[in-house]
Amino acid sequence: MNQETGKRGEVLAAAFLERAGLEILDRNWRCAAGEIDLLVRDGATIAAIEVKTRTTGRTGHPLEAITPRKLHRLHLLLRMWVYEKELRGYDRLRVDGLAITLLPKVFIDYRKGI
């Protein structure tokens, strides 16, 4: 995947999440430990969204690229983001995965609490 494909996926993901009623709080948040693609508010829950985009499905499901190590890091990064933004009132934190396959037509698979 190239950066253009990834950026297109993140734009599609944000639009999908907003249509689903989630509020986008941040995009591409970075720190020394890593990056979170999207951060959203889902009711009383703050979720970090890992977006995986593939041009086709030939290389497997996009979410298969999220390793246990990456998932652990996303949980850590989410706690760091909440601390940095001083959002003390949110006890419910979650990491979600959002897979996008672009061809033959756009397909989105959103999974909460991966």
PDB file of N, CA and C in Angstrom:
ATOM      1  N   MET A   1       0.849  -1.183   0.000  1.00  0.00           N
ATOM      2  CA  MET A   1       0.000   0.000   0.000  1.00  0.00           C
ATOM      3  C   MET A   1       0.888   1.237   0.000  1.00  0.00           C
ATOM      4  N   ASN A   2       0.461   2.231  -0.731  1.00  0.00           N
ATOM      5  CA  ASN A   2       1.212   3.478  -0.712  1.00  0.00           C
ATOM      6  C   ASN A   2       0.486   4.508   0.148  1.00  0.00           C
ATOM      7  N   GLN A   3       1.148   5.650   0.349  1.00  0.00           N
ATOM      8  CA  GLN A   3       0.567   6.686   1.215  1.00  0.00           C
ATOM      9  C   GLN A   3      -0.747   7.224   0.666  1.00  0.00           C
ATOM     10  N   GLU A   4      -0.856   7.312  -0.641  1.00  0.00           N
ATOM     11  CA  GLU A   4      -2.087   7.820  -1.255  1.00  0.00           C
ATOM     12  C   GLU A   4      -3.271   6.900  -0.942  1.00  0.00           C
ATOM     13  N   THR A   5      -3.050   5.597  -1.030  1.00  0.00           N
ATOM     14  CA  THR A   5      -4.106   4.630  -0.707  1.00  0.00           C
ATOM     15  C   THR A   5      -4.493   4.747   0.759  1.00  0.00           C
ATOM     16  N   GLY A   6      -3.498   4.850   1.631  1.00  0.00           N
ATOM     17  CA  GLY A   6      -3.764   4.977   3.060  1.00  0.00           C
ATOM     18  C   GLY A   6      -4.533   6.242   3.394  1.00  0.00           C
ATOM     19  N   LYS A   7      -4.151   7.350   2.788  1.00  0.00           N
ATOM     20  CA  LYS A   7      -4.833   8.624   3.026  1.00  0.00           C
ATOM     21  C   LYS A   7      -6.277   8.556   2.535  1.00  0.00           C
ATOM     22  N   ARG A   8      -6.480   7.951   1.362  1.00  0.00           N
ATOM     23  CA  ARG A   8      -7.847   7.799   0.834  1.00  0.00           C
ATOM     24  C   ARG A   8      -8.685   6.966   1.796  1.00  0.00           C
ATOM     25  N   GLY A   9      -8.100   5.902   2.320  1.00  0.00           N
ATOM     26  CA  GLY A   9      -8.804   5.059   3.276  1.00  0.00           C
ATOM     27  C   GLY A   9      -9.201   5.809   4.531  1.00  0.00           C
ATOM     28  N   GLU A  10      -8.304   6.647   5.041  1.00  0.00           N
ATOM     29  CA  GLU A  10      -8.621   7.404   6.255  1.00  0.00           C
ATOM     30  C   GLU A  10      -9.735   8.414   6.016  1.00  0.00           C
ATOM     31  N   VAL A  11      -9.769   9.023   4.839  1.00  0.00           N
ATOM     32  CA  VAL A  11     -10.859   9.956   4.501  1.00  0.00           C
ATOM     33  C   VAL A  11     -12.187   9.203   4.427  1.00  0.00           C
ATOM     34  N   LEU A  12     -12.187   8.050   3.756  1.00  0.00           N
ATOM     35  CA  LEU A  12     -13.405   7.231   3.675  1.00  0.00           C
ATOM     36  C   LEU A  12     -13.842   6.759   5.061  1.00  0.00           C
ATOM     37  N   ALA A  13     -12.878   6.376   5.887  1.00  0.00           N
ATOM     38  CA  ALA A  13     -13.183   5.897   7.234  1.00  0.00           C
ATOM     39  C   ALA A  13     -13.833   6.995   8.071  1.00  0.00           C
ATOM     40  N   ALA A  14     -13.270   8.196   8.035  1.00  0.00           N
ATOM     41  CA  ALA A  14     -13.824   9.303   8.814  1.00  0.00           C
ATOM     42  C   ALA A  14     -15.253   9.615   8.374  1.00  0.00           C
ATOM     43  N   ALA A  15     -15.496   9.639   7.075  1.00  0.00           N
ATOM     44  CA  ALA A  15     -16.847   9.908   6.570  1.00  0.00           C
ATOM     45  C   ALA A  15     -17.812   8.810   7.011  1.00  0.00           C
ATOM     46  N   PHE A  16     -17.381   7.559   6.943  1.00  0.00           N
ATOM     47  CA  PHE A  16     -18.208   6.428   7.370  1.00  0.00           C
ATOM     48  C   PHE A  16     -18.564   6.556   8.853  1.00  0.00           C
ATOM     49  N   LEU A  17     -17.576   6.859   9.681  1.00  0.00           N
ATOM     50  CA  LEU A  17     -17.806   6.959  11.128  1.00  0.00           C
ATOM     51  C   LEU A  17     -18.730   8.125  11.469  1.00  0.00           C
ATOM     52  N   GLU A  18     -18.560   9.248  10.795  1.00  0.00           N
ATOM     53  CA  GLU A  18     -19.444  10.391  11.036  1.00  0.00           C
ATOM     54  C   GLU A  18     -20.879  10.063  10.638  1.00  0.00           C
ATOM     55  N   ARG A  19     -21.057   9.371   9.517  1.00  0.00           N
ATOM     56  CA  ARG A  19     -22.413   8.965   9.105  1.00  0.00           C
ATOM     57  C   ARG A  19     -23.021   7.998  10.117  1.00  0.00           C
ATOM     58  N   ALA A  20     -22.177   7.246  10.794  1.00  0.00           N
ATOM     59  CA  ALA A  20     -22.651   6.294  11.806  1.00  0.00           C
ATOM     60  C   ALA A  20     -22.927   6.980  13.144  1.00  0.00           C
ATOM     61  N   GLY A  21     -22.699   8.293  13.221  1.00  0.00           N
ATOM     62  CA  GLY A  21     -23.023   9.044  14.425  1.00  0.00           C
ATOM     63  C   GLY A  21     -21.879   9.225  15.408  1.00  0.00           C
ATOM     64  N   LEU A  22     -20.671   8.851  15.036  1.00  0.00           N
ATOM     65  CA  LEU A  22     -19.522   9.042  15.910  1.00  0.00           C
ATOM     66  C   LEU A  22     -18.906  10.407  15.645  1.00  0.00           C
ATOM     67  N   GLU A  23     -18.335  10.989  16.677  1.00  0.00           N
ATOM     68  CA  GLU A  23     -17.706  12.302  16.553  1.00  0.00           C
ATOM     69  C   GLU A  23     -16.196  12.127  16.403  1.00  0.00           C
ATOM     70  N   ILE A  24     -15.636  12.679  15.342  1.00  0.00           N
ATOM     71  CA  ILE A  24     -14.187  12.627  15.137  1.00  0.00           C
ATOM     72  C   ILE A  24     -13.542  13.642  16.081  1.00  0.00           C
ATOM     73  N   LEU A  25     -12.648  13.160  16.937  1.00  0.00           N
ATOM     74  CA  LEU A  25     -11.965  14.028  17.888  1.00  0.00           C
ATOM     75  C   LEU A  25     -10.566  14.413  17.425  1.00  0.00           C
ATOM     76  N   ASP A  26      -9.914  13.521  16.697  1.00  0.00           N
ATOM     77  CA  ASP A  26      -8.539  13.776  16.261  1.00  0.00           C
ATOM     78  C   ASP A  26      -8.214  12.844  15.095  1.00  0.00           C
ATOM     79  N   ARG A  27      -7.267  13.282  14.285  1.00  0.00           N
ATOM     80  CA  ARG A  27      -6.809  12.478  13.142  1.00  0.00           C
ATOM     81  C   ARG A  27      -5.288  12.433  13.151  1.00  0.00           C
ATOM     82  N   ASN A  28      -4.750  11.275  12.869  1.00  0.00           N
ATOM     83  CA  ASN A  28      -3.304  11.088  12.746  1.00  0.00           C
ATOM     84  C   ASN A  28      -2.522  11.679  13.920  1.00  0.00           C
ATOM     85  N   TRP A  29      -2.975  11.379  15.141  1.00  0.00           N
ATOM     86  CA  TRP A  29      -2.276  11.850  16.335  1.00  0.00           C
ATOM     87  C   TRP A  29      -0.976  11.075  16.479  1.00  0.00           C
ATOM     88  N   ARG A  30       0.103  11.802  16.703  1.00  0.00           N
ATOM     89  CA  ARG A  30       1.423  11.176  16.808  1.00  0.00           C
ATOM     90  C   ARG A  30       2.121  11.584  18.090  1.00  0.00           C
ATOM     91  N   CYS A  31       2.923  10.662  18.576  1.00  0.00           N
ATOM     92  CA  CYS A  31       3.853  10.931  19.665  1.00  0.00           C
ATOM     93  C   CYS A  31       5.068  10.039  19.417  1.00  0.00           C
ATOM     94  N   ALA A  32       6.028  10.082  20.308  1.00  0.00           N
ATOM     95  CA  ALA A  32       7.251   9.292  20.121  1.00  0.00           C
ATOM     96  C   ALA A  32       6.967   7.794  20.066  1.00  0.00           C
ATOM     97  N   ALA A  33       5.882   7.350  20.701  1.00  0.00           N
ATOM     98  CA  ALA A  33       5.574   5.913  20.783  1.00  0.00           C
ATOM     99  C   ALA A  33       4.797   5.387  19.578  1.00  0.00           C
ATOM    100  N   GLY A  34       4.252   6.284  18.747  1.00  0.00           N
ATOM    101  CA  GLY A  34       3.493   5.801  17.599  1.00  0.00           C
ATOM    102  C   GLY A  34       2.413   6.765  17.145  1.00  0.00           C
ATOM    103  N   GLU A  35       1.446   6.233  16.400  1.00  0.00           N
ATOM    104  CA  GLU A  35       0.386   7.048  15.803  1.00  0.00           C
ATOM    105  C   GLU A  35      -0.958   6.340  15.898  1.00  0.00           C
ATOM    106  N   ILE A  36      -2.008   7.143  16.074  1.00  0.00           N
ATOM    107  CA  ILE A  36      -3.384   6.653  16.005  1.00  0.00           C
ATOM    108  C   ILE A  36      -4.028   7.324  14.799  1.00  0.00           C
ATOM    109  N   ASP A  37      -4.643   6.522  13.932  1.00  0.00           N
ATOM    110  CA  ASP A  37      -5.239   7.065  12.710  1.00  0.00           C
ATOM    111  C   ASP A  37      -6.390   8.017  13.010  1.00  0.00           C
ATOM    112  N   LEU A  38      -7.374   7.542  13.779  1.00  0.00           N
ATOM    113  CA  LEU A  38      -8.543   8.356  14.121  1.00  0.00           C
ATOM    114  C   LEU A  38      -8.907   8.130  15.579  1.00  0.00           C
ATOM    115  N   LEU A  39      -9.364   9.182  16.231  1.00  0.00           N
ATOM    116  CA  LEU A  39      -9.908   9.077  17.582  1.00  0.00           C
ATOM    117  C   LEU A  39     -11.320   9.617  17.537  1.00  0.00           C
ATOM    118  N   VAL A  40     -12.255   8.857  18.112  1.00  0.00           N
ATOM    119  CA  VAL A  40     -13.669   9.216  18.032  1.00  0.00           C
ATOM    120  C   VAL A  40     -14.337   9.104  19.395  1.00  0.00           C
ATOM    121  N   ARG A  41     -15.455   9.825  19.507  1.00  0.00           N
ATOM    122  CA  ARG A  41     -16.329   9.672  20.672  1.00  0.00           C
ATOM    123  C   ARG A  41     -17.538   8.883  20.194  1.00  0.00           C
ATOM    124  N   ASP A  42     -17.809   7.799  20.897  1.00  0.00           N
ATOM    125  CA  ASP A  42     -18.960   6.937  20.608  1.00  0.00           C
ATOM    126  C   ASP A  42     -19.781   6.893  21.889  1.00  0.00           C
ATOM    127  N   GLY A  43     -20.690   7.862  22.037  1.00  0.00           N
ATOM    128  CA  GLY A  43     -21.426   7.982  23.298  1.00  0.00           C
ATOM    129  C   GLY A  43     -20.461   8.360  24.406  1.00  0.00           C
ATOM    130  N   ALA A  44     -20.408   7.538  25.464  1.00  0.00           N
ATOM    131  CA  ALA A  44     -19.523   7.794  26.598  1.00  0.00           C
ATOM    132  C   ALA A  44     -18.166   7.107  26.440  1.00  0.00           C
ATOM    133  N   THR A  45     -17.884   6.591  25.258  1.00  0.00           N
ATOM    134  CA  THR A  45     -16.644   5.855  25.008  1.00  0.00           C
ATOM    135  C   THR A  45     -15.749   6.627  24.046  1.00  0.00           C
ATOM    136  N   ILE A  46     -14.452   6.624  24.343  1.00  0.00           N
ATOM    137  CA  ILE A  46     -13.460   7.152  23.420  1.00  0.00           C
ATOM    138  C   ILE A  46     -12.807   5.948  22.747  1.00  0.00           C
ATOM    139  N   ALA A  47     -12.740   5.981  21.417  1.00  0.00           N
ATOM    140  CA  ALA A  47     -12.154   4.861  20.675  1.00  0.00           C
ATOM    141  C   ALA A  47     -11.028   5.334  19.772  1.00  0.00           C
ATOM    142  N   ALA A  48      -9.966   4.545  19.759  1.00  0.00           N
ATOM    143  CA  ALA A  48      -8.888   4.718  18.789  1.00  0.00           C
ATOM    144  C   ALA A  48      -9.222   3.805  17.619  1.00  0.00           C
ATOM    145  N   ILE A  49      -9.182   4.343  16.421  1.00  0.00           N
ATOM    146  CA  ILE A  49      -9.524   3.566  15.234  1.00  0.00           C
ATOM    147  C   ILE A  49      -8.259   3.315  14.417  1.00  0.00           C
ATOM    148  N   GLU A  50      -7.941   2.060  14.205  1.00  0.00           N
ATOM    149  CA  GLU A  50      -6.848   1.688  13.310  1.00  0.00           C
ATOM    150  C   GLU A  50      -7.467   1.391  11.948  1.00  0.00           C
ATOM    151  N   VAL A  51      -7.088   2.183  10.959  1.00  0.00           N
ATOM    152  CA  VAL A  51      -7.629   2.043   9.611  1.00  0.00           C
ATOM    153  C   VAL A  51      -6.626   1.271   8.758  1.00  0.00           C
ATOM    154  N   LYS A  52      -7.097   0.216   8.133  1.00  0.00           N
ATOM    155  CA  LYS A  52      -6.267  -0.582   7.227  1.00  0.00           C
ATOM    156  C   LYS A  52      -6.952  -0.602   5.867  1.00  0.00           C
ATOM    157  N   THR A  53      -6.260  -0.114   4.860  1.00  0.00           N
ATOM    158  CA  THR A  53      -6.827  -0.010   3.519  1.00  0.00           C
ATOM    159  C   THR A  53      -6.018  -0.856   2.546  1.00  0.00           C
ATOM    160  N   ARG A  54      -6.723  -1.575   1.710  1.00  0.00           N
ATOM    161  CA  ARG A  54      -6.099  -2.373   0.657  1.00  0.00           C
ATOM    162  C   ARG A  54      -6.788  -2.049  -0.666  1.00  0.00           C
ATOM    163  N   THR A  55      -6.033  -2.089  -1.724  1.00  0.00           N
ATOM    164  CA  THR A  55      -6.615  -1.855  -3.041  1.00  0.00           C
ATOM    165  C   THR A  55      -7.569  -2.985  -3.397  1.00  0.00           C
ATOM    166  N   THR A  56      -7.133  -4.225  -3.176  1.00  0.00           N
ATOM    167  CA  THR A  56      -7.976  -5.395  -3.424  1.00  0.00           C
ATOM    168  C   THR A  56      -7.896  -6.317  -2.214  1.00  0.00           C
ATOM    169  N   GLY A  57      -8.709  -7.352  -2.217  1.00  0.00           N
ATOM    170  CA  GLY A  57      -8.689  -8.317  -1.125  1.00  0.00           C
ATOM    171  C   GLY A  57      -7.757  -9.492  -1.360  1.00  0.00           C
ATOM    172  N   ARG A  58      -6.936  -9.419  -2.387  1.00  0.00           N
ATOM    173  CA  ARG A  58      -6.069 -10.550  -2.746  1.00  0.00           C
ATOM    174  C   ARG A  58      -5.048 -10.915  -1.676  1.00  0.00           C
ATOM    175  N   THR A  59      -4.649  -9.963  -0.863  1.00  0.00           N
ATOM    176  CA  THR A  59      -3.622 -10.234   0.152  1.00  0.00           C
ATOM    177  C   THR A  59      -4.232 -10.553   1.511  1.00  0.00           C
ATOM    178  N   GLY A  60      -5.519 -10.860   1.544  1.00  0.00           N
ATOM    179  CA  GLY A  60      -6.187 -11.172   2.801  1.00  0.00           C
ATOM    180  C   GLY A  60      -6.957  -9.983   3.342  1.00  0.00           C
ATOM    181  N   HIS A  61      -7.652 -10.221   4.447  1.00  0.00           N
ATOM    182  CA  HIS A  61      -8.446  -9.165   5.078  1.00  0.00           C
ATOM    183  C   HIS A  61      -7.509  -8.111   5.654  1.00  0.00           C
ATOM    184  N   PRO A  62      -7.800  -6.839   5.439  1.00  0.00           N
ATOM    185  CA  PRO A  62      -6.904  -5.785   5.926  1.00  0.00           C
ATOM    186  C   PRO A  62      -6.623  -5.838   7.428  1.00  0.00           C
ATOM    187  N   LEU A  63      -7.609  -6.231   8.236  1.00  0.00           N
ATOM    188  CA  LEU A  63      -7.397  -6.242   9.686  1.00  0.00           C
ATOM    189  C   LEU A  63      -6.431  -7.335  10.136  1.00  0.00           C
ATOM    190  N   GLU A  64      -6.128  -8.288   9.260  1.00  0.00           N
ATOM    191  CA  GLU A  64      -5.133  -9.307   9.600  1.00  0.00           C
ATOM    192  C   GLU A  64      -3.758  -8.690   9.813  1.00  0.00           C
ATOM    193  N   ALA A  65      -3.565  -7.469   9.335  1.00  0.00           N
ATOM    194  CA  ALA A  65      -2.285  -6.778   9.496  1.00  0.00           C
ATOM    195  C   ALA A  65      -2.098  -6.197  10.895  1.00  0.00           C
ATOM    196  N   ILE A  66      -3.128  -6.237  11.728  1.00  0.00           N
ATOM    197  CA  ILE A  66      -3.008  -5.722  13.098  1.00  0.00           C
ATOM    198  C   ILE A  66      -2.536  -6.860  13.991  1.00  0.00           C
ATOM    199  N   THR A  67      -1.279  -6.805  14.357  1.00  0.00           N
ATOM    200  CA  THR A  67      -0.671  -7.845  15.186  1.00  0.00           C
ATOM    201  C   THR A  67      -1.013  -7.618  16.658  1.00  0.00           C
ATOM    202  N   PRO A  68      -0.848  -8.636  17.509  1.00  0.00           N
ATOM    203  CA  PRO A  68      -1.052  -8.432  18.949  1.00  0.00           C
ATOM    204  C   PRO A  68      -0.167  -7.311  19.500  1.00  0.00           C
ATOM    205  N   ARG A  69       1.048  -7.203  19.004  1.00  0.00           N
ATOM    206  CA  ARG A  69       1.948  -6.136  19.456  1.00  0.00           C
ATOM    207  C   ARG A  69       1.387  -4.759  19.078  1.00  0.00           C
ATOM    208  N   LYS A  70       0.890  -4.634  17.844  1.00  0.00           N
ATOM    209  CA  LYS A  70       0.301  -3.370  17.394  1.00  0.00           C
ATOM    210  C   LYS A  70      -0.934  -3.034  18.225  1.00  0.00           C
ATOM    211  N   LEU A  71      -1.756  -4.021  18.509  1.00  0.00           N
ATOM    212  CA  LEU A  71      -2.957  -3.810  19.309  1.00  0.00           C
ATOM    213  C   LEU A  71      -2.601  -3.328  20.712  1.00  0.00           C
ATOM    214  N   HIS A  72      -1.598  -3.947  21.316  1.00  0.00           N
ATOM    215  CA  HIS A  72      -1.133  -3.522  22.644  1.00  0.00           C
ATOM    216  C   HIS A  72      -0.661  -2.064  22.592  1.00  0.00           C
ATOM    217  N   ARG A  73       0.088  -1.720  21.557  1.00  0.00           N
ATOM    218  CA  ARG A  73       0.584  -0.350  21.417  1.00  0.00           C
ATOM    219  C   ARG A  73      -0.572   0.636  21.240  1.00  0.00           C
ATOM    220  N   LEU A  74      -1.597   0.258  20.483  1.00  0.00           N
ATOM    221  CA  LEU A  74      -2.748   1.144  20.297  1.00  0.00           C
ATOM    222  C   LEU A  74      -3.457   1.430  21.617  1.00  0.00           C
ATOM    223  N   HIS A  75      -3.579   0.423  22.473  1.00  0.00           N
ATOM    224  CA  HIS A  75      -4.186   0.644  23.793  1.00  0.00           C
ATOM    225  C   HIS A  75      -3.346   1.627  24.612  1.00  0.00           C
ATOM    226  N   LEU A  76      -2.038   1.459  24.577  1.00  0.00           N
ATOM    227  CA  LEU A  76      -1.141   2.375  25.278  1.00  0.00           C
ATOM    228  C   LEU A  76      -1.258   3.784  24.711  1.00  0.00           C
ATOM    229  N   LEU A  77      -1.231   3.908  23.399  1.00  0.00           N
ATOM    230  CA  LEU A  77      -1.344   5.220  22.758  1.00  0.00           C
ATOM    231  C   LEU A  77      -2.667   5.896  23.083  1.00  0.00           C
ATOM    232  N   LEU A  78      -3.740   5.131  23.140  1.00  0.00           N
ATOM    233  CA  LEU A  78      -5.046   5.699  23.479  1.00  0.00           C
ATOM    234  C   LEU A  78      -5.020   6.306  24.875  1.00  0.00           C
ATOM    235  N   ARG A  79      -4.445   5.582  25.830  1.00  0.00           N
ATOM    236  CA  ARG A  79      -4.343   6.132  27.194  1.00  0.00           C
ATOM    237  C   ARG A  79      -3.473   7.391  27.209  1.00  0.00           C
ATOM    238  N   MET A  80      -2.403   7.406  26.426  1.00  0.00           N
ATOM    239  CA  MET A  80      -1.539   8.590  26.344  1.00  0.00           C
ATOM    240  C   MET A  80      -2.297   9.778  25.758  1.00  0.00           C
ATOM    241  N   TRP A  81      -3.096   9.533  24.726  1.00  0.00           N
ATOM    242  CA  TRP A  81      -3.871  10.609  24.105  1.00  0.00           C
ATOM    243  C   TRP A  81      -4.872  11.200  25.091  1.00  0.00           C
ATOM    244  N   VAL A  82      -5.594  10.332  25.798  1.00  0.00           N
ATOM    245  CA  VAL A  82      -6.584  10.794  26.778  1.00  0.00           C
ATOM    246  C   VAL A  82      -5.904  11.637  27.855  1.00  0.00           C
ATOM    247  N   TYR A  83      -4.741  11.192  28.309  1.00  0.00           N
ATOM    248  CA  TYR A  83      -3.993  11.936  29.327  1.00  0.00           C
ATOM    249  C   TYR A  83      -3.551  13.295  28.778  1.00  0.00           C
ATOM    250  N   GLU A  84      -3.015  13.308  27.560  1.00  0.00           N
ATOM    251  CA  GLU A  84      -2.550  14.561  26.957  1.00  0.00           C
ATOM    252  C   GLU A  84      -3.690  15.560  26.788  1.00  0.00           C
ATOM    253  N   LYS A  85      -4.866  15.074  26.396  1.00  0.00           N
ATOM    254  CA  LYS A  85      -6.014  15.953  26.155  1.00  0.00           C
ATOM    255  C   LYS A  85      -6.787  16.274  27.437  1.00  0.00           C
ATOM    256  N   GLU A  86      -6.346  15.691  28.556  1.00  0.00           N
ATOM    257  CA  GLU A  86      -6.967  15.911  29.870  1.00  0.00           C
ATOM    258  C   GLU A  86      -8.452  15.569  29.871  1.00  0.00           C
ATOM    259  N   LEU A  87      -8.789  14.455  29.264  1.00  0.00           N
ATOM    260  CA  LEU A  87     -10.174  13.981  29.207  1.00  0.00           C
ATOM    261  C   LEU A  87     -10.407  12.985  30.336  1.00  0.00           C
ATOM    262  N   ARG A  88     -10.420  13.473  31.545  1.00  0.00           N
ATOM    263  CA  ARG A  88     -10.497  12.610  32.722  1.00  0.00           C
ATOM    264  C   ARG A  88     -11.853  11.928  32.907  1.00  0.00           C
ATOM    265  N   GLY A  89     -12.910  12.443  32.301  1.00  0.00           N
ATOM    266  CA  GLY A  89     -14.242  11.903  32.533  1.00  0.00           C
ATOM    267  C   GLY A  89     -14.584  10.657  31.735  1.00  0.00           C
ATOM    268  N   TYR A  90     -13.657  10.169  30.946  1.00  0.00           N
ATOM    269  CA  TYR A  90     -13.944   9.014  30.092  1.00  0.00           C
ATOM    270  C   TYR A  90     -13.271   7.767  30.642  1.00  0.00           C
ATOM    271  N   ASP A  91     -14.091   6.909  31.235  1.00  0.00           N
ATOM    272  CA  ASP A  91     -13.569   5.662  31.783  1.00  0.00           C
ATOM    273  C   ASP A  91     -13.581   4.555  30.742  1.00  0.00           C
ATOM    274  N   ARG A  92     -14.423   4.693  29.741  1.00  0.00           N
ATOM    275  CA  ARG A  92     -14.548   3.650  28.719  1.00  0.00           C
ATOM    276  C   ARG A  92     -13.672   3.990  27.519  1.00  0.00           C
ATOM    277  N   LEU A  93     -12.650   3.175  27.338  1.00  0.00           N
ATOM    278  CA  LEU A  93     -11.740   3.341  26.209  1.00  0.00           C
ATOM    279  C   LEU A  93     -11.759   2.053  25.398  1.00  0.00           C
ATOM    280  N   ARG A  94     -11.602   2.193  24.085  1.00  0.00           N
ATOM    281  CA  ARG A  94     -11.708   1.020  23.222  1.00  0.00           C
ATOM    282  C   ARG A  94     -10.833   1.226  21.984  1.00  0.00           C
ATOM    283  N   VAL A  95     -10.331   0.121  21.454  1.00  0.00           N
ATOM    284  CA  VAL A  95      -9.606   0.154  20.185  1.00  0.00           C
ATOM    285  C   VAL A  95     -10.451  -0.590  19.154  1.00  0.00           C
ATOM    286  N   ASP A  96     -10.717   0.084  18.041  1.00  0.00           N
ATOM    287  CA  ASP A  96     -11.521  -0.484  16.963  1.00  0.00           C
ATOM    288  C   ASP A  96     -10.672  -0.644  15.709  1.00  0.00           C
ATOM    289  N   GLY A  97     -11.103  -1.533  14.844  1.00  0.00           N
ATOM    290  CA  GLY A  97     -10.452  -1.707  13.551  1.00  0.00           C
ATOM    291  C   GLY A  97     -11.430  -1.390  12.437  1.00  0.00           C
ATOM    292  N   LEU A  98     -10.947  -0.706  11.424  1.00  0.00           N
ATOM    293  CA  LEU A  98     -11.788  -0.383  10.282  1.00  0.00           C
ATOM    294  C   LEU A  98     -11.021  -0.760   9.017  1.00  0.00           C
ATOM    295  N   ALA A  99     -11.541  -1.754   8.321  1.00  0.00           N
ATOM    296  CA  ALA A  99     -10.899  -2.261   7.109  1.00  0.00           C
ATOM    297  C   ALA A  99     -11.609  -1.720   5.881  1.00  0.00           C
ATOM    298  N   ILE A 100     -10.816  -1.302   4.910  1.00  0.00           N
ATOM    299  CA  ILE A 100     -11.370  -0.810   3.654  1.00  0.00           C
ATOM    300  C   ILE A 100     -10.685  -1.535   2.500  1.00  0.00           C
ATOM    301  N   THR A 101     -11.501  -2.090   1.622  1.00  0.00           N
ATOM    302  CA  THR A 101     -11.017  -2.659   0.370  1.00  0.00           C
ATOM    303  C   THR A 101     -11.601  -1.803  -0.750  1.00  0.00           C
ATOM    304  N   LEU A 102     -10.752  -1.295  -1.632  1.00  0.00           N
ATOM    305  CA  LEU A 102     -11.190  -0.325  -2.636  1.00  0.00           C
ATOM    306  C   LEU A 102     -11.757  -0.942  -3.909  1.00  0.00           C
ATOM    307  N   LEU A 103     -11.255  -2.094  -4.322  1.00  0.00           N
ATOM    308  CA  LEU A 103     -11.695  -2.701  -5.578  1.00  0.00           C
ATOM    309  C   LEU A 103     -12.178  -4.124  -5.357  1.00  0.00           C
ATOM    310  N   PRO A 104     -13.174  -4.609  -6.070  1.00  0.00           N
ATOM    311  CA  PRO A 104     -13.794  -4.000  -7.240  1.00  0.00           C
ATOM    312  C   PRO A 104     -14.729  -2.842  -6.896  1.00  0.00           C
ATOM    313  N   LYS A 105     -15.236  -2.791  -5.652  1.00  0.00           N
ATOM    314  CA  LYS A 105     -15.973  -1.612  -5.194  1.00  0.00           C
ATOM    315  C   LYS A 105     -15.596  -1.408  -3.734  1.00  0.00           C
ATOM    316  N   VAL A 106     -15.824  -0.210  -3.227  1.00  0.00           N
ATOM    317  CA  VAL A 106     -15.434   0.092  -1.849  1.00  0.00           C
ATOM    318  C   VAL A 106     -16.237  -0.768  -0.879  1.00  0.00           C
ATOM    319  N   PHE A 107     -15.512  -1.460  -0.016  1.00  0.00           N
ATOM    320  CA  PHE A 107     -16.116  -2.293   1.025  1.00  0.00           C
ATOM    321  C   PHE A 107     -15.505  -1.884   2.354  1.00  0.00           C
ATOM    322  N   ILE A 108     -16.363  -1.596   3.347  1.00  0.00           N
ATOM    323  CA  ILE A 108     -15.904  -1.179   4.672  1.00  0.00           C
ATOM    324  C   ILE A 108     -16.381  -2.185   5.700  1.00  0.00           C
ATOM    325  N   ASP A 109     -15.464  -2.620   6.539  1.00  0.00           N
ATOM    326  CA  ASP A 109     -15.748  -3.563   7.621  1.00  0.00           C
ATOM    327  C   ASP A 109     -15.270  -2.920   8.916  1.00  0.00           C
ATOM    328  N   TYR A 110     -16.225  -2.467   9.749  1.00  0.00           N
ATOM    329  CA  TYR A 110     -15.904  -1.773  10.999  1.00  0.00           C
ATOM    330  C   TYR A 110     -16.150  -2.709  12.162  1.00  0.00           C
ATOM    331  N   ARG A 111     -15.123  -2.914  12.976  1.00  0.00           N
ATOM    332  CA  ARG A 111     -15.229  -3.819  14.119  1.00  0.00           C
ATOM    333  C   ARG A 111     -14.839  -3.095  15.398  1.00  0.00           C
ATOM    334  N   LYS A 112     -15.784  -3.044  16.311  1.00  0.00           N
ATOM    335  CA  LYS A 112     -15.544  -2.400  17.601  1.00  0.00           C
ATOM    336  C   LYS A 112     -14.865  -3.379  18.551  1.00  0.00           C
ATOM    337  N   GLY A 113     -13.950  -2.835  19.336  1.00  0.00           N
ATOM    338  CA  GLY A 113     -13.323  -3.628  20.384  1.00  0.00           C
ATOM    339  C   GLY A 113     -12.506  -4.800  19.887  1.00  0.00           C
ATOM    340  N   ILE A 114     -11.597  -4.535  18.972  1.00  0.00           N
ATOM    341  CA  ILE A 114     -10.783  -5.637  18.436  1.00  0.00           C
ATOM    342  C   ILE A 114      -9.731  -6.096  19.438  1.00  0.00           C
TER     343      ILE A 114
END
